[in-house]
Each structure stands twice: as C-alpha cells, then as structure tokens.
Amino acid sequence: MILARVVGTVVSSHKPQKMDGIAFLLVEKIDPITMKGKGDFVVAMDSVGAGLNEIIFYVSGSSARFTPTTEGVPTDCSIIAIVDFIEKDGSFTYRKDKAEV
C-alpha cells in the first residue's frame, strides 16, 4: 500500500461501461514524516469515497481489482482506505481530525 494525498480529479467521458460511476482521483505520493508531496502523481479509481486533500492508501497492479468497486474493471490503481492518523516513534505526524484543509 502507498500513502498519498488526493490533489484533484480526472474526468473521462469515453471509457468502458464497467467504469461508469467510478471517480478518478489524482493523487500525489507523500512523505509520511513531513507530509509533503513527492511530486509523483497517479490517477486512481476511488473505492472508498475519498475527498480532496484527504490522505489515502492506494494499491496498484492486480491488487487494485480486489475491491467491490473495481472487481472486473480494467484498473491498475485503486484507493482502498482513508487514513485517520499516522504515528511514528510515539508522535503523530498526521491526524485527520487536526488536518488543515
């Protein structure tokens, strides 16, 4: 699983019918200590209802097709979780309830 921040949306009007109704989100990988973006972006299918600026986990490869939303759908990247907090060495580096929007 890879940590990232939702930074935008991607809209596609021409795609396989199985993809209708699935949101495409632009996500940027982050450093879990500084919470800064790494400048490395991917487009992921949203299977959990993530929103702009939320910290998420995404999976890629065949694992991306193991959610109820993406089963049988041609995808290589899926958002599978919204992060509540990140803790390292006894200190929080991120808390959703304290995050700045």
PDB file of N, CA and C in Angstrom:
ATOM      1  N   MET A   1       0.845  -1.173   0.000  1.00  0.00           N
ATOM      2  CA  MET A   1       0.000   0.000   0.000  1.00  0.00           C
ATOM      3  C   MET A   1       0.894   1.241   0.000  1.00  0.00           C
ATOM      4  N   ILE A   2       0.406   2.284  -0.639  1.00  0.00           N
ATOM      5  CA  ILE A   2       1.188   3.503  -0.796  1.00  0.00           C
ATOM      6  C   ILE A   2       0.385   4.674  -0.240  1.00  0.00           C
ATOM      7  N   LEU A   3       1.053   5.523   0.561  1.00  0.00           N
ATOM      8  CA  LEU A   3       0.417   6.719   1.115  1.00  0.00           C
ATOM      9  C   LEU A   3       0.430   7.840   0.091  1.00  0.00           C
ATOM     10  N   ALA A   4      -0.688   8.543  -0.010  1.00  0.00           N
ATOM     11  CA  ALA A   4      -0.785   9.662  -0.941  1.00  0.00           C
ATOM     12  C   ALA A   4      -1.850  10.638  -0.458  1.00  0.00           C
ATOM     13  N   ARG A   5      -1.862  11.821  -1.086  1.00  0.00           N
ATOM     14  CA  ARG A   5      -2.876  12.837  -0.816  1.00  0.00           C
ATOM     15  C   ARG A   5      -3.693  13.044  -2.092  1.00  0.00           C
ATOM     16  N   VAL A   6      -5.003  13.150  -1.943  1.00  0.00           N
ATOM     17  CA  VAL A   6      -5.864  13.442  -3.085  1.00  0.00           C
ATOM     18  C   VAL A   6      -5.674  14.918  -3.425  1.00  0.00           C
ATOM     19  N   VAL A   7      -5.239  15.193  -4.663  1.00  0.00           N
ATOM     20  CA  VAL A   7      -4.957  16.568  -5.065  1.00  0.00           C
ATOM     21  C   VAL A   7      -5.861  17.063  -6.190  1.00  0.00           C
ATOM     22  N   GLY A   8      -6.688  16.183  -6.739  1.00  0.00           N
ATOM     23  CA  GLY A   8      -7.583  16.616  -7.807  1.00  0.00           C
ATOM     24  C   GLY A   8      -8.413  15.479  -8.351  1.00  0.00           C
ATOM     25  N   THR A   9      -9.153  15.794  -9.402  1.00  0.00           N
ATOM     26  CA  THR A   9      -9.980  14.795 -10.066  1.00  0.00           C
ATOM     27  C   THR A   9      -9.600  14.736 -11.539  1.00  0.00           C
ATOM     28  N   VAL A  10      -9.925  13.621 -12.153  1.00  0.00           N
ATOM     29  CA  VAL A  10      -9.718  13.435 -13.585  1.00  0.00           C
ATOM     30  C   VAL A  10     -11.052  12.982 -14.162  1.00  0.00           C
ATOM     31  N   VAL A  11     -11.487  13.627 -15.228  1.00  0.00           N
ATOM     32  CA  VAL A  11     -12.761  13.299 -15.853  1.00  0.00           C
ATOM     33  C   VAL A  11     -12.508  12.685 -17.220  1.00  0.00           C
ATOM     34  N   SER A  12     -13.189  11.578 -17.477  1.00  0.00           N
ATOM     35  CA  SER A  12     -13.107  10.911 -18.771  1.00  0.00           C
ATOM     36  C   SER A  12     -14.513  10.549 -19.219  1.00  0.00           C
ATOM     37  N   SER A  13     -14.927  11.093 -20.357  1.00  0.00           N
ATOM     38  CA  SER A  13     -16.285  10.810 -20.843  1.00  0.00           C
ATOM     39  C   SER A  13     -16.330   9.590 -21.755  1.00  0.00           C
ATOM     40  N   HIS A  14     -15.187   9.127 -22.244  1.00  0.00           N
ATOM     41  CA  HIS A  14     -15.135   7.949 -23.112  1.00  0.00           C
ATOM     42  C   HIS A  14     -14.308   6.869 -22.434  1.00  0.00           C
ATOM     43  N   LYS A  15     -14.997   5.856 -21.928  1.00  0.00           N
ATOM     44  CA  LYS A  15     -14.342   4.761 -21.198  1.00  0.00           C
ATOM     45  C   LYS A  15     -15.252   3.543 -21.241  1.00  0.00           C
ATOM     46  N   PRO A  16     -14.726   2.351 -20.890  1.00  0.00           N
ATOM     47  CA  PRO A  16     -15.572   1.160 -20.858  1.00  0.00           C
ATOM     48  C   PRO A  16     -16.765   1.356 -19.920  1.00  0.00           C
ATOM     49  N   GLN A  17     -17.879   0.774 -20.265  1.00  0.00           N
ATOM     50  CA  GLN A  17     -19.118   0.920 -19.494  1.00  0.00           C
ATOM     51  C   GLN A  17     -18.938   0.476 -18.042  1.00  0.00           C
ATOM     52  N   LYS A  18     -18.105  -0.528 -17.803  1.00  0.00           N
ATOM     53  CA  LYS A  18     -17.869  -1.006 -16.439  1.00  0.00           C
ATOM     54  C   LYS A  18     -17.278   0.078 -15.538  1.00  0.00           C
ATOM     55  N   MET A  19     -16.705   1.115 -16.156  1.00  0.00           N
ATOM     56  CA  MET A  19     -16.079   2.185 -15.379  1.00  0.00           C
ATOM     57  C   MET A  19     -17.040   3.337 -15.078  1.00  0.00           C
ATOM     58  N   ASP A  20     -18.230   3.298 -15.641  1.00  0.00           N
ATOM     59  CA  ASP A  20     -19.206   4.362 -15.393  1.00  0.00           C
ATOM     60  C   ASP A  20     -19.509   4.462 -13.900  1.00  0.00           C
ATOM     61  N   GLY A  21     -19.536   5.669 -13.395  1.00  0.00           N
ATOM     62  CA  GLY A  21     -19.880   5.906 -11.995  1.00  0.00           C
ATOM     63  C   GLY A  21     -18.711   5.810 -11.030  1.00  0.00           C
ATOM     64  N   ILE A  22     -17.541   5.435 -11.513  1.00  0.00           N
ATOM     65  CA  ILE A  22     -16.363   5.345 -10.643  1.00  0.00           C
ATOM     66  C   ILE A  22     -15.564   6.638 -10.783  1.00  0.00           C
ATOM     67  N   ALA A  23     -15.268   7.276  -9.647  1.00  0.00           N
ATOM     68  CA  ALA A  23     -14.495   8.510  -9.665  1.00  0.00           C
ATOM     69  C   ALA A  23     -13.019   8.217  -9.907  1.00  0.00           C
ATOM     70  N   PHE A  24     -12.404   9.041 -10.757  1.00  0.00           N
ATOM     71  CA  PHE A  24     -10.958   9.005 -10.988  1.00  0.00           C
ATOM     72  C   PHE A  24     -10.359  10.176 -10.216  1.00  0.00           C
ATOM     73  N   LEU A  25      -9.444   9.887  -9.302  1.00  0.00           N
ATOM     74  CA  LEU A  25      -8.824  10.936  -8.496  1.00  0.00           C
ATOM     75  C   LEU A  25      -7.334  11.019  -8.782  1.00  0.00           C
ATOM     76  N   LEU A  26      -6.825  12.241  -8.833  1.00  0.00           N
ATOM     77  CA  LEU A  26      -5.396  12.477  -8.989  1.00  0.00           C
ATOM     78  C   LEU A  26      -4.792  12.479  -7.596  1.00  0.00           C
ATOM     79  N   VAL A  27      -3.814  11.613  -7.362  1.00  0.00           N
ATOM     80  CA  VAL A  27      -3.186  11.524  -6.043  1.00  0.00           C
ATOM     81  C   VAL A  27      -1.685  11.715  -6.169  1.00  0.00           C
ATOM     82  N   GLU A  28      -1.106  12.310  -5.121  1.00  0.00           N
ATOM     83  CA  GLU A  28       0.335  12.548  -5.079  1.00  0.00           C
ATOM     84  C   GLU A  28       0.925  11.778  -3.906  1.00  0.00           C
ATOM     85  N   LYS A  29       1.948  10.986  -4.166  1.00  0.00           N
ATOM     86  CA  LYS A  29       2.636  10.275  -3.091  1.00  0.00           C
ATOM     87  C   LYS A  29       3.194  11.289  -2.100  1.00  0.00           C
ATOM     88  N   ILE A  30       3.201  10.912  -0.807  1.00  0.00           N
ATOM     89  CA  ILE A  30       3.682  11.816   0.244  1.00  0.00           C
ATOM     90  C   ILE A  30       4.747  11.148   1.098  1.00  0.00           C
ATOM     91  N   ASP A  31       5.535  11.984   1.746  1.00  0.00           N
ATOM     92  CA  ASP A  31       6.472  11.538   2.766  1.00  0.00           C
ATOM     93  C   ASP A  31       5.670  11.462   4.071  1.00  0.00           C
ATOM     94  N   PRO A  32       5.591  10.293   4.724  1.00  0.00           N
ATOM     95  CA  PRO A  32       4.743  10.162   5.918  1.00  0.00           C
ATOM     96  C   PRO A  32       5.257  10.910   7.148  1.00  0.00           C
ATOM     97  N   ILE A  33       6.487  11.380   7.117  1.00  0.00           N
ATOM     98  CA  ILE A  33       7.038  12.129   8.247  1.00  0.00           C
ATOM     99  C   ILE A  33       6.761  13.619   8.085  1.00  0.00           C
ATOM    100  N   THR A  34       7.096  14.165   6.907  1.00  0.00           N
ATOM    101  CA  THR A  34       6.897  15.603   6.673  1.00  0.00           C
ATOM    102  C   THR A  34       5.521  15.912   6.120  1.00  0.00           C
ATOM    103  N   MET A  35       4.841  14.906   5.575  1.00  0.00           N
ATOM    104  CA  MET A  35       3.536  15.043   4.924  1.00  0.00           C
ATOM    105  C   MET A  35       3.610  15.878   3.649  1.00  0.00           C
ATOM    106  N   LYS A  36       4.806  16.104   3.142  1.00  0.00           N
ATOM    107  CA  LYS A  36       4.981  16.862   1.901  1.00  0.00           C
ATOM    108  C   LYS A  36       4.870  15.937   0.703  1.00  0.00           C
ATOM    109  N   GLY A  37       4.337  16.484  -0.378  1.00  0.00           N
ATOM    110  CA  GLY A  37       4.231  15.729  -1.615  1.00  0.00           C
ATOM    111  C   GLY A  37       5.595  15.459  -2.219  1.00  0.00           C
ATOM    112  N   LYS A  38       5.683  14.331  -2.935  1.00  0.00           N
ATOM    113  CA  LYS A  38       6.933  13.936  -3.570  1.00  0.00           C
ATOM    114  C   LYS A  38       6.992  14.303  -5.051  1.00  0.00           C
ATOM    115  N   GLY A  39       5.921  14.931  -5.557  1.00  0.00           N
ATOM    116  CA  GLY A  39       5.896  15.285  -6.973  1.00  0.00           C
ATOM    117  C   GLY A  39       5.680  14.092  -7.883  1.00  0.00           C
ATOM    118  N   ASP A  40       5.204  12.995  -7.319  1.00  0.00           N
ATOM    119  CA  ASP A  40       4.959  11.755  -8.064  1.00  0.00           C
ATOM    120  C   ASP A  40       3.446  11.505  -8.038  1.00  0.00           C
ATOM    121  N   PHE A  41       2.810  11.624  -9.201  1.00  0.00           N
ATOM    122  CA  PHE A  41       1.353  11.577  -9.283  1.00  0.00           C
ATOM    123  C   PHE A  41       0.861  10.325 -10.010  1.00  0.00           C
ATOM    124  N   VAL A  42      -0.318   9.837  -9.609  1.00  0.00           N
ATOM    125  CA  VAL A  42      -1.004   8.760 -10.320  1.00  0.00           C
ATOM    126  C   VAL A  42      -2.503   9.060 -10.316  1.00  0.00           C
ATOM    127  N   VAL A  43      -3.199   8.458 -11.258  1.00  0.00           N
ATOM    128  CA  VAL A  43      -4.651   8.524 -11.283  1.00  0.00           C
ATOM    129  C   VAL A  43      -5.157   7.204 -10.708  1.00  0.00           C
ATOM    130  N   ALA A  44      -6.043   7.295  -9.720  1.00  0.00           N
ATOM    131  CA  ALA A  44      -6.557   6.098  -9.058  1.00  0.00           C
ATOM    132  C   ALA A  44      -8.080   6.094  -9.076  1.00  0.00           C
ATOM    133  N   MET A  45      -8.650   4.909  -9.186  1.00  0.00           N
ATOM    134  CA  MET A  45     -10.095   4.755  -9.044  1.00  0.00           C
ATOM    135  C   MET A  45     -10.431   4.771  -7.561  1.00  0.00           C
ATOM    136  N   ASP A  46     -11.470   5.512  -7.202  1.00  0.00           N
ATOM    137  CA  ASP A  46     -11.849   5.663  -5.798  1.00  0.00           C
ATOM    138  C   ASP A  46     -12.872   4.607  -5.406  1.00  0.00           C
ATOM    139  N   SER A  47     -12.519   3.778  -4.425  1.00  0.00           N
ATOM    140  CA  SER A  47     -13.454   2.752  -3.962  1.00  0.00           C
ATOM    141  C   SER A  47     -13.951   3.025  -2.541  1.00  0.00           C
ATOM    142  N   VAL A  48     -13.578   4.199  -1.974  1.00  0.00           N
ATOM    143  CA  VAL A  48     -13.953   4.480  -0.583  1.00  0.00           C
ATOM    144  C   VAL A  48     -14.603   5.842  -0.368  1.00  0.00           C
ATOM    145  N   GLY A  49     -14.786   6.636  -1.400  1.00  0.00           N
ATOM    146  CA  GLY A  49     -15.396   7.950  -1.243  1.00  0.00           C
ATOM    147  C   GLY A  49     -14.441   9.008  -0.723  1.00  0.00           C
ATOM    148  N   ALA A  50     -13.183   8.949  -1.134  1.00  0.00           N
ATOM    149  CA  ALA A  50     -12.179   9.918  -0.689  1.00  0.00           C
ATOM    150  C   ALA A  50     -12.467  11.297  -1.274  1.00  0.00           C
ATOM    151  N   GLY A  51     -12.024  12.322  -0.549  1.00  0.00           N
ATOM    152  CA  GLY A  51     -12.233  13.695  -0.991  1.00  0.00           C
ATOM    153  C   GLY A  51     -10.931  14.448  -1.138  1.00  0.00           C
ATOM    154  N   LEU A  52     -11.024  15.639  -1.691  1.00  0.00           N
ATOM    155  CA  LEU A  52      -9.872  16.498  -1.921  1.00  0.00           C
ATOM    156  C   LEU A  52      -9.101  16.730  -0.623  1.00  0.00           C
ATOM    157  N   ASN A  53      -7.784  16.619  -0.709  1.00  0.00           N
ATOM    158  CA  ASN A  53      -6.830  16.823   0.393  1.00  0.00           C
ATOM    159  C   ASN A  53      -6.796  15.695   1.421  1.00  0.00           C
ATOM    160  N   GLU A  54      -7.599  14.660   1.253  1.00  0.00           N
ATOM    161  CA  GLU A  54      -7.532  13.549   2.212  1.00  0.00           C
ATOM    162  C   GLU A  54      -6.286  12.702   1.961  1.00  0.00           C
ATOM    163  N   ILE A  55      -5.778  12.141   3.061  1.00  0.00           N
ATOM    164  CA  ILE A  55      -4.648  11.216   2.983  1.00  0.00           C
ATOM    165  C   ILE A  55      -5.242   9.828   2.810  1.00  0.00           C
ATOM    166  N   ILE A  56      -4.708   9.093   1.838  1.00  0.00           N
ATOM    167  CA  ILE A  56      -5.285   7.796   1.487  1.00  0.00           C
ATOM    168  C   ILE A  56      -4.182   6.749   1.314  1.00  0.00           C
ATOM    169  N   PHE A  57      -4.610   5.487   1.278  1.00  0.00           N
ATOM    170  CA  PHE A  57      -3.784   4.383   0.814  1.00  0.00           C
ATOM    171  C   PHE A  57      -4.278   4.001  -0.564  1.00  0.00           C
ATOM    172  N   TYR A  58      -3.357   3.740  -1.475  1.00  0.00           N
ATOM    173  CA  TYR A  58      -3.764   3.142  -2.737  1.00  0.00           C
ATOM    174  C   TYR A  58      -2.920   1.917  -3.007  1.00  0.00           C
ATOM    175  N   VAL A  59      -3.463   1.031  -3.814  1.00  0.00           N
ATOM    176  CA  VAL A  59      -2.740  -0.164  -4.242  1.00  0.00           C
ATOM    177  C   VAL A  59      -2.682  -0.147  -5.760  1.00  0.00           C
ATOM    178  N   SER A  60      -1.668  -0.835  -6.281  1.00  0.00           N
ATOM    179  CA  SER A  60      -1.531  -0.899  -7.738  1.00  0.00           C
ATOM    180  C   SER A  60      -1.326  -2.343  -8.171  1.00  0.00           C
ATOM    181  N   GLY A  61      -1.372  -2.534  -9.467  1.00  0.00           N
ATOM    182  CA  GLY A  61      -1.244  -3.884 -10.010  1.00  0.00           C
ATOM    183  C   GLY A  61      -2.533  -4.662  -9.830  1.00  0.00           C
ATOM    184  N   SER A  62      -2.423  -5.973  -9.789  1.00  0.00           N
ATOM    185  CA  SER A  62      -3.615  -6.814  -9.704  1.00  0.00           C
ATOM    186  C   SER A  62      -4.401  -6.578  -8.412  1.00  0.00           C
ATOM    187  N   SER A  63      -3.739  -6.122  -7.345  1.00  0.00           N
ATOM    188  CA  SER A  63      -4.437  -5.826  -6.085  1.00  0.00           C
ATOM    189  C   SER A  63      -5.491  -4.742  -6.265  1.00  0.00           C
ATOM    190  N   ALA A  64      -5.330  -3.886  -7.258  1.00  0.00           N
ATOM    191  CA  ALA A  64      -6.275  -2.792  -7.500  1.00  0.00           C
ATOM    192  C   ALA A  64      -7.653  -3.291  -7.923  1.00  0.00           C
ATOM    193  N   ARG A  65      -7.761  -4.536  -8.326  1.00  0.00           N
ATOM    194  CA  ARG A  65      -9.039  -5.081  -8.792  1.00  0.00           C
ATOM    195  C   ARG A  65      -9.723  -5.961  -7.741  1.00  0.00           C
ATOM    196  N   PHE A  66      -9.313  -5.848  -6.482  1.00  0.00           N
ATOM    197  CA  PHE A  66      -9.879  -6.677  -5.419  1.00  0.00           C
ATOM    198  C   PHE A  66     -10.840  -5.934  -4.502  1.00  0.00           C
ATOM    199  N   THR A  67     -11.425  -4.834  -4.955  1.00  0.00           N
ATOM    200  CA  THR A  67     -12.435  -4.144  -4.159  1.00  0.00           C
ATOM    201  C   THR A  67     -13.797  -4.390  -4.814  1.00  0.00           C
ATOM    202  N   PRO A  68     -14.884  -4.268  -4.079  1.00  0.00           N
ATOM    203  CA  PRO A  68     -16.204  -4.421  -4.702  1.00  0.00           C
ATOM    204  C   PRO A  68     -16.422  -3.437  -5.861  1.00  0.00           C
ATOM    205  N   THR A  69     -15.840  -2.246  -5.753  1.00  0.00           N
ATOM    206  CA  THR A  69     -15.991  -1.231  -6.798  1.00  0.00           C
ATOM    207  C   THR A  69     -15.223  -1.581  -8.068  1.00  0.00           C
ATOM    208  N   THR A  70     -14.045  -2.189  -7.908  1.00  0.00           N
ATOM    209  CA  THR A  70     -13.156  -2.392  -9.057  1.00  0.00           C
ATOM    210  C   THR A  70     -13.080  -3.830  -9.556  1.00  0.00           C
ATOM    211  N   GLU A  71     -13.806  -4.728  -8.935  1.00  0.00           N
ATOM    212  CA  GLU A  71     -13.763  -6.130  -9.364  1.00  0.00           C
ATOM    213  C   GLU A  71     -14.217  -6.247 -10.823  1.00  0.00           C
ATOM    214  N   GLY A  72     -13.360  -6.811 -11.656  1.00  0.00           N
ATOM    215  CA  GLY A  72     -13.674  -6.993 -13.065  1.00  0.00           C
ATOM    216  C   GLY A  72     -13.524  -5.741 -13.908  1.00  0.00           C
ATOM    217  N   VAL A  73     -12.996  -4.666 -13.318  1.00  0.00           N
ATOM    218  CA  VAL A  73     -12.825  -3.400 -14.024  1.00  0.00           C
ATOM    219  C   VAL A  73     -11.346  -3.253 -14.423  1.00  0.00           C
ATOM    220  N   PRO A  74     -11.087  -2.757 -15.624  1.00  0.00           N
ATOM    221  CA  PRO A  74      -9.686  -2.582 -16.039  1.00  0.00           C
ATOM    222  C   PRO A  74      -9.038  -1.404 -15.311  1.00  0.00           C
ATOM    223  N   THR A  75      -8.321  -1.712 -14.237  1.00  0.00           N
ATOM    224  CA  THR A  75      -7.629  -0.671 -13.475  1.00  0.00           C
ATOM    225  C   THR A  75      -6.295  -1.196 -12.970  1.00  0.00           C
ATOM    226  N   ASP A  76      -5.390  -0.287 -12.754  1.00  0.00           N
ATOM    227  CA  ASP A  76      -4.087  -0.632 -12.213  1.00  0.00           C
ATOM    228  C   ASP A  76      -3.803   0.138 -10.922  1.00  0.00           C
ATOM    229  N   CYS A  77      -4.787   0.951 -10.468  1.00  0.00           N
ATOM    230  CA  CYS A  77      -4.575   1.757  -9.273  1.00  0.00           C
ATOM    231  C   CYS A  77      -5.920   2.059  -8.616  1.00  0.00           C
ATOM    232  N   SER A  78      -6.068   1.679  -7.334  1.00  0.00           N
ATOM    233  CA  SER A  78      -7.324   1.893  -6.613  1.00  0.00           C
ATOM    234  C   SER A  78      -7.061   2.434  -5.215  1.00  0.00           C
ATOM    235  N   ILE A  79      -7.880   3.407  -4.817  1.00  0.00           N
ATOM    236  CA  ILE A  79      -7.844   3.918  -3.448  1.00  0.00           C
ATOM    237  C   ILE A  79      -8.639   2.942  -2.590  1.00  0.00           C
ATOM    238  N   ILE A  80      -7.996   2.438  -1.525  1.00  0.00           N
ATOM    239  CA  ILE A  80      -8.641   1.411  -0.706  1.00  0.00           C
ATOM    240  C   ILE A  80      -8.897   1.837   0.735  1.00  0.00           C
ATOM    241  N   ALA A  81      -8.363   2.995   1.156  1.00  0.00           N
ATOM    242  CA  ALA A  81      -8.567   3.426   2.545  1.00  0.00           C
ATOM    243  C   ALA A  81      -8.321   4.918   2.682  1.00  0.00           C
ATOM    244  N   ILE A  82      -9.034   5.529   3.639  1.00  0.00           N
ATOM    245  CA  ILE A  82      -8.791   6.908   4.045  1.00  0.00           C
ATOM    246  C   ILE A  82      -8.094   6.843   5.402  1.00  0.00           C
ATOM    247  N   VAL A  83      -6.977   7.542   5.533  1.00  0.00           N
ATOM    248  CA  VAL A  83      -6.138   7.459   6.726  1.00  0.00           C
ATOM    249  C   VAL A  83      -6.676   8.371   7.823  1.00  0.00           C
ATOM    250  N   ASP A  84      -6.748   7.839   9.057  1.00  0.00           N
ATOM    251  CA  ASP A  84      -7.175   8.616  10.219  1.00  0.00           C
ATOM    252  C   ASP A  84      -5.988   9.263  10.930  1.00  0.00           C
ATOM    253  N   PHE A  85      -4.891   8.517  11.087  1.00  0.00           N
ATOM    254  CA  PHE A  85      -3.696   9.115  11.666  1.00  0.00           C
ATOM    255  C   PHE A  85      -2.458   8.319  11.271  1.00  0.00           C
ATOM    256  N   ILE A  86      -1.313   8.993  11.367  1.00  0.00           N
ATOM    257  CA  ILE A  86      -0.001   8.371  11.149  1.00  0.00           C
ATOM    258  C   ILE A  86       0.823   8.683  12.388  1.00  0.00           C
ATOM    259  N   GLU A  87       1.408   7.652  12.972  1.00  0.00           N
ATOM    260  CA  GLU A  87       2.228   7.809  14.166  1.00  0.00           C
ATOM    261  C   GLU A  87       3.572   7.156  13.916  1.00  0.00           C
ATOM    262  N   LYS A  88       4.644   7.829  14.308  1.00  0.00           N
ATOM    263  CA  LYS A  88       5.990   7.257  14.220  1.00  0.00           C
ATOM    264  C   LYS A  88       6.739   7.604  15.501  1.00  0.00           C
ATOM    265  N   ASP A  89       7.311   6.597  16.114  1.00  0.00           N
ATOM    266  CA  ASP A  89       8.108   6.766  17.334  1.00  0.00           C
ATOM    267  C   ASP A  89       7.353   7.521  18.434  1.00  0.00           C
ATOM    268  N   GLY A  90       6.059   7.238  18.568  1.00  0.00           N
ATOM    269  CA  GLY A  90       5.275   7.830  19.636  1.00  0.00           C
ATOM    270  C   GLY A  90       4.711   9.215  19.354  1.00  0.00           C
ATOM    271  N   SER A  91       4.986   9.754  18.166  1.00  0.00           N
ATOM    272  CA  SER A  91       4.475  11.084  17.814  1.00  0.00           C
ATOM    273  C   SER A  91       3.623  11.002  16.557  1.00  0.00           C
ATOM    274  N   PHE A  92       2.550  11.765  16.552  1.00  0.00           N
ATOM    275  CA  PHE A  92       1.705  11.821  15.365  1.00  0.00           C
ATOM    276  C   PHE A  92       2.338  12.732  14.320  1.00  0.00           C
ATOM    277  N   THR A  93       2.450  12.241  13.110  1.00  0.00           N
ATOM    278  CA  THR A  93       2.873  13.093  12.003  1.00  0.00           C
ATOM    279  C   THR A  93       1.653  13.578  11.230  1.00  0.00           C
ATOM    280  N   TYR A  94       0.507  12.901  11.432  1.00  0.00           N
ATOM    281  CA  TYR A  94      -0.748  13.292  10.787  1.00  0.00           C
ATOM    282  C   TYR A  94      -1.915  12.806  11.613  1.00  0.00           C
ATOM    283  N   ARG A  95      -2.897  13.677  11.786  1.00  0.00           N
ATOM    284  CA  ARG A  95      -4.183  13.312  12.385  1.00  0.00           C
ATOM    285  C   ARG A  95      -5.261  13.961  11.550  1.00  0.00           C
ATOM    286  N   LYS A  96      -6.166  13.153  11.041  1.00  0.00           N
ATOM    287  CA  LYS A  96      -7.234  13.672  10.195  1.00  0.00           C
ATOM    288  C   LYS A  96      -8.060  14.728  10.913  1.00  0.00           C
ATOM    289  N   ASP A  97      -8.325  14.498  12.197  1.00  0.00           N
ATOM    290  CA  ASP A  97      -9.147  15.445  12.951  1.00  0.00           C
ATOM    291  C   ASP A  97      -8.439  16.772  13.220  1.00  0.00           C
ATOM    292  N   LYS A  98      -7.129  16.847  12.961  1.00  0.00           N
ATOM    293  CA  LYS A  98      -6.359  18.080  13.161  1.00  0.00           C
ATOM    294  C   LYS A  98      -5.791  18.617  11.842  1.00  0.00           C
ATOM    295  N   ALA A  99      -6.136  17.973  10.729  1.00  0.00           N
ATOM    296  CA  ALA A  99      -5.553  18.357   9.434  1.00  0.00           C
ATOM    297  C   ALA A  99      -6.054  19.705   8.965  1.00  0.00           C
ATOM    298  N   GLU A 100      -5.139  20.453   8.346  1.00  0.00           N
ATOM    299  CA  GLU A 100      -5.513  21.715   7.715  1.00  0.00           C
ATOM    300  C   GLU A 100      -6.014  21.416   6.326  1.00  0.00           C
ATOM    301  N   VAL A 101      -7.043  22.115   5.909  1.00  0.00           N
ATOM    302  CA  VAL A 101      -7.622  21.874   4.583  1.00  0.00           C
ATOM    303  C   VAL A 101      -7.077  22.839   3.577  1.00  0.00           C
TER     304      VAL A 101
END
